[in-house]
Amino acid sequence: MRTDPSPAAPLLPMALFMGVMTCAWSTNAWQASPVLSALGLLAGAGVALAAVLGTGRRGRQDPPEGPAGRAGSGGVPGPVVGLFALIEVIMIAGVVLLLARSGRGELVMPAVALVVAAHFALFLLVQRSRLHLLTTALGVAGAGSALLLAATGGLDAAAARALAGLSLAACTLAYGVVLLVAARGSRSRAGLGTR
């Protein structure tokens, strides 16, 4: 039996994931900028905690009803997300292998960040959103600059990891905050309140 009719159901787990990813990306800056890294870790932990607390307030929940494979009202279809994740994993594996074989291991992290940032653009194919556009632009600019500067000697490896990591942390933080706000709005519209 479903106890929560809220369309916010899939939003909070995704917000939790984005909070965790914000923490993970932020750790890449620890060597070059411990303060910025710590701020990113705190922000990511805040999003994750808010998502966990929001999930706990809803109580036990059965899977959301509605069309199979949908991420929620107006969301990206589940199979599309899976396909994009598969493309991302294949690209990351290729990049890692290529850079490892060429002896450029210091470029792996910024290159992986660039692939992840580029995958945000795929979502624009199925859902026109300023958020996808913003995260694509920010992530590609930050990670791409880090990769280019590290490859040409303009940045050392620690600074390149910091630039790429903090760029992606900003992207995942933006997604996390937007998901939390959307979940709160969905709960309010469903008459569930926010307390």
Protein backbone atom coordinates (compact mmCIF):
# COMPACT_ATOMS: atom_id res chain seq x y z
CA MET A 1 0.00 0.00 0.00
CA ARG A 2 1.31 3.38 -0.95
CA THR A 3 1.40 5.78 2.00
CA ASP A 4 2.76 8.83 0.23
CA PRO A 5 1.04 10.09 -2.91
CA SER A 6 3.71 12.74 -3.40
CA PRO A 7 5.42 13.00 -6.79
CA ALA A 8 8.50 14.00 -4.78
CA ALA A 9 9.27 10.32 -4.27
CA PRO A 10 12.11 9.97 -6.81
CA LEU A 11 13.44 13.48 -6.22
CA LEU A 12 14.83 12.97 -2.72
CA PRO A 13 16.96 9.90 -3.54
CA MET A 14 18.40 11.81 -6.49
CA ALA A 15 19.09 14.81 -4.24
CA LEU A 16 20.87 12.46 -1.83
CA PHE A 17 22.99 11.11 -4.70
CA MET A 18 23.85 14.65 -5.81
CA GLY A 19 24.86 15.57 -2.25
CA VAL A 20 27.16 12.55 -2.08
CA MET A 21 28.62 13.38 -5.50
CA THR A 22 29.20 16.99 -4.40
CA CYS A 23 31.24 15.63 -1.48
CA ALA A 24 33.15 13.27 -3.76
CA TRP A 25 34.00 15.94 -6.33
CA SER A 26 35.00 18.39 -3.58
CA THR A 27 37.62 16.01 -2.19
CA ASN A 28 39.63 16.50 -5.38
CA ALA A 29 40.48 20.03 -4.24
CA TRP A 30 41.83 19.05 -0.81
CA GLN A 31 45.53 19.23 -1.72
CA ALA A 32 45.36 22.55 -3.58
CA SER A 33 42.64 24.27 -1.56
CA PRO A 34 41.56 22.64 1.70
CA VAL A 35 39.20 25.51 2.54
CA LEU A 36 37.26 25.31 -0.73
CA SER A 37 37.28 21.54 -0.51
CA ALA A 38 35.85 21.68 3.02
CA LEU A 39 33.16 24.15 1.93
CA GLY A 40 32.16 21.80 -0.87
CA LEU A 41 32.10 18.87 1.52
CA LEU A 42 29.86 20.80 3.93
CA ALA A 43 27.51 21.90 1.15
CA GLY A 44 27.24 18.37 -0.22
CA ALA A 45 26.68 16.93 3.24
CA GLY A 46 23.95 19.53 3.80
CA VAL A 47 22.11 18.50 0.64
CA ALA A 48 22.48 14.81 1.51
CA LEU A 49 21.24 15.38 5.05
CA ALA A 50 18.26 17.42 3.85
CA ALA A 51 17.37 14.62 1.44
CA VAL A 52 17.64 11.96 4.17
CA LEU A 53 15.55 14.04 6.56
CA GLY A 54 12.97 14.63 3.84
CA THR A 55 12.80 10.93 3.12
CA GLY A 56 12.36 10.12 6.80
CA ARG A 57 9.45 12.52 7.12
CA ARG A 58 7.55 10.78 4.36
CA GLY A 59 7.53 7.43 6.12
CA ARG A 60 7.47 4.07 4.37
CA GLN A 61 6.74 4.32 0.71
CA ASP A 62 5.93 1.95 -2.08
CA PRO A 63 7.24 2.69 -5.57
CA PRO A 64 5.60 5.72 -7.17
CA GLU A 65 2.56 5.08 -9.28
CA GLY A 66 2.30 6.37 -12.78
CA PRO A 67 3.92 5.62 -16.11
CA ALA A 68 6.79 3.17 -15.82
CA GLY A 69 10.23 4.59 -16.33
CA ARG A 70 9.39 8.20 -15.54
CA ALA A 71 11.52 10.19 -13.15
CA GLY A 72 8.50 12.10 -11.94
CA SER A 73 6.27 14.76 -13.38
CA GLY A 74 8.14 16.31 -16.28
CA GLY A 75 11.23 14.22 -15.55
CA VAL A 76 13.63 12.41 -17.82
CA PRO A 77 12.47 8.83 -18.56
CA GLY A 78 14.31 6.18 -16.53
CA PRO A 79 15.52 4.20 -19.56
CA VAL A 80 17.03 7.39 -21.01
CA VAL A 81 18.90 8.06 -17.78
CA GLY A 82 20.21 4.48 -17.87
CA LEU A 83 21.34 4.83 -21.48
CA PHE A 84 23.11 8.11 -20.74
CA ALA A 85 24.83 6.55 -17.71
CA LEU A 86 26.00 3.64 -19.88
CA ILE A 87 27.41 6.04 -22.48
CA GLU A 88 29.16 7.95 -19.69
CA VAL A 89 30.71 4.79 -18.20
CA ILE A 90 31.96 3.60 -21.59
CA MET A 91 33.49 7.02 -22.31
CA ILE A 92 35.14 7.17 -18.89
CA ALA A 93 36.63 3.69 -19.31
CA GLY A 94 38.00 4.66 -22.72
CA VAL A 95 39.50 7.91 -21.45
CA VAL A 96 41.11 6.23 -18.45
CA LEU A 97 42.62 3.47 -20.60
CA LEU A 98 43.87 5.92 -23.21
CA LEU A 99 45.49 8.26 -20.67
CA ALA A 100 46.95 5.40 -18.60
CA ARG A 101 48.52 3.81 -21.68
CA SER A 102 49.95 7.13 -22.79
CA GLY A 103 51.58 7.76 -19.40
CA ARG A 104 49.42 10.81 -18.62
CA GLY A 105 47.76 9.58 -15.43
CA GLU A 106 47.71 13.10 -14.00
CA LEU A 107 45.10 13.99 -16.63
CA VAL A 108 42.67 11.20 -15.72
CA MET A 109 40.65 13.09 -13.11
CA PRO A 110 40.10 16.27 -15.19
CA ALA A 111 39.28 14.11 -18.23
CA VAL A 112 36.74 12.06 -16.28
CA ALA A 113 35.21 15.30 -14.97
CA LEU A 114 34.94 16.57 -18.56
CA VAL A 115 33.10 13.40 -19.64
CA VAL A 116 30.72 13.71 -16.69
CA ALA A 117 30.08 17.38 -17.46
CA ALA A 118 29.48 16.62 -21.13
CA HIS A 119 26.90 13.99 -20.21
CA PHE A 120 24.73 16.74 -18.72
CA ALA A 121 24.27 17.99 -22.30
CA LEU A 122 22.66 14.68 -23.25
CA PHE A 123 19.76 15.53 -20.95
CA LEU A 124 19.08 18.60 -23.10
CA LEU A 125 18.09 16.21 -25.88
CA VAL A 126 15.09 14.98 -23.90
CA GLN A 127 14.35 17.80 -21.46
CA ARG A 128 14.92 21.45 -22.23
CA SER A 129 16.16 22.95 -18.99
CA ARG A 130 18.30 25.91 -18.01
CA LEU A 131 19.75 23.73 -15.27
CA HIS A 132 21.11 21.20 -17.78
CA LEU A 133 22.46 24.05 -19.90
CA LEU A 134 24.07 25.76 -16.90
CA THR A 135 25.65 22.58 -15.52
CA THR A 136 26.93 21.59 -18.94
CA ALA A 137 28.50 25.02 -19.52
CA LEU A 138 30.00 25.27 -16.03
CA GLY A 139 31.25 21.70 -15.94
CA VAL A 140 32.71 21.67 -19.44
CA ALA A 141 34.35 25.08 -18.95
CA GLY A 142 35.87 24.15 -15.58
CA ALA A 143 36.92 20.58 -16.35
CA GLY A 144 37.93 21.41 -19.92
CA SER A 145 40.11 24.29 -18.74
CA ALA A 146 41.67 22.10 -16.06
CA LEU A 147 42.43 19.38 -18.61
CA LEU A 148 43.86 21.79 -21.17
CA LEU A 149 45.97 23.69 -18.64
CA ALA A 150 47.29 20.50 -17.04
CA ALA A 151 48.12 19.00 -20.45
CA THR A 152 50.08 22.11 -21.47
CA GLY A 153 51.82 22.63 -18.12
CA GLY A 154 49.77 25.68 -17.13
CA LEU A 155 48.51 23.98 -13.97
CA ASP A 156 50.07 21.35 -11.77
CA ALA A 157 48.13 18.14 -11.19
CA ALA A 158 46.74 19.21 -7.78
CA ALA A 159 45.44 22.53 -9.11
CA ALA A 160 43.91 20.82 -12.16
CA ARG A 161 42.12 18.30 -9.93
CA ALA A 162 40.88 21.17 -7.76
CA LEU A 163 39.53 23.19 -10.69
CA ALA A 164 37.84 20.21 -12.31
CA GLY A 165 36.56 18.82 -9.01
CA LEU A 166 35.12 22.08 -7.74
CA SER A 167 33.49 22.76 -11.12
CA LEU A 168 31.70 19.42 -10.98
CA ALA A 169 30.91 19.87 -7.28
CA ALA A 170 29.14 23.13 -8.19
CA CYS A 171 27.15 21.27 -10.86
CA THR A 172 26.05 18.44 -8.59
CA LEU A 173 25.30 20.91 -5.81
CA ALA A 174 23.04 22.86 -8.20
CA TYR A 175 21.23 19.66 -9.17
CA GLY A 176 20.87 18.66 -5.51
CA VAL A 177 19.42 22.00 -4.44
CA VAL A 178 17.00 22.09 -7.38
CA LEU A 179 15.85 18.55 -6.58
CA LEU A 180 15.30 19.44 -2.91
CA VAL A 181 13.28 22.52 -3.86
CA ALA A 182 11.23 20.51 -6.36
CA ALA A 183 10.57 17.81 -3.77
CA ARG A 184 9.43 20.39 -1.25
CA GLY A 185 7.13 21.98 -3.82
CA SER A 186 5.69 18.58 -4.75
CA ARG A 187 4.99 17.80 -1.11
CA SER A 188 3.26 21.15 -0.60
CA ARG A 189 1.07 20.73 -3.70
CA ALA A 190 0.12 17.22 -2.58
CA GLY A 191 -1.07 18.63 0.77
CA LEU A 192 1.67 16.86 2.71
CA GLY A 193 3.22 19.98 4.16
CA THR A 194 6.95 20.48 4.70
CA ARG A 195 7.34 19.86 8.41
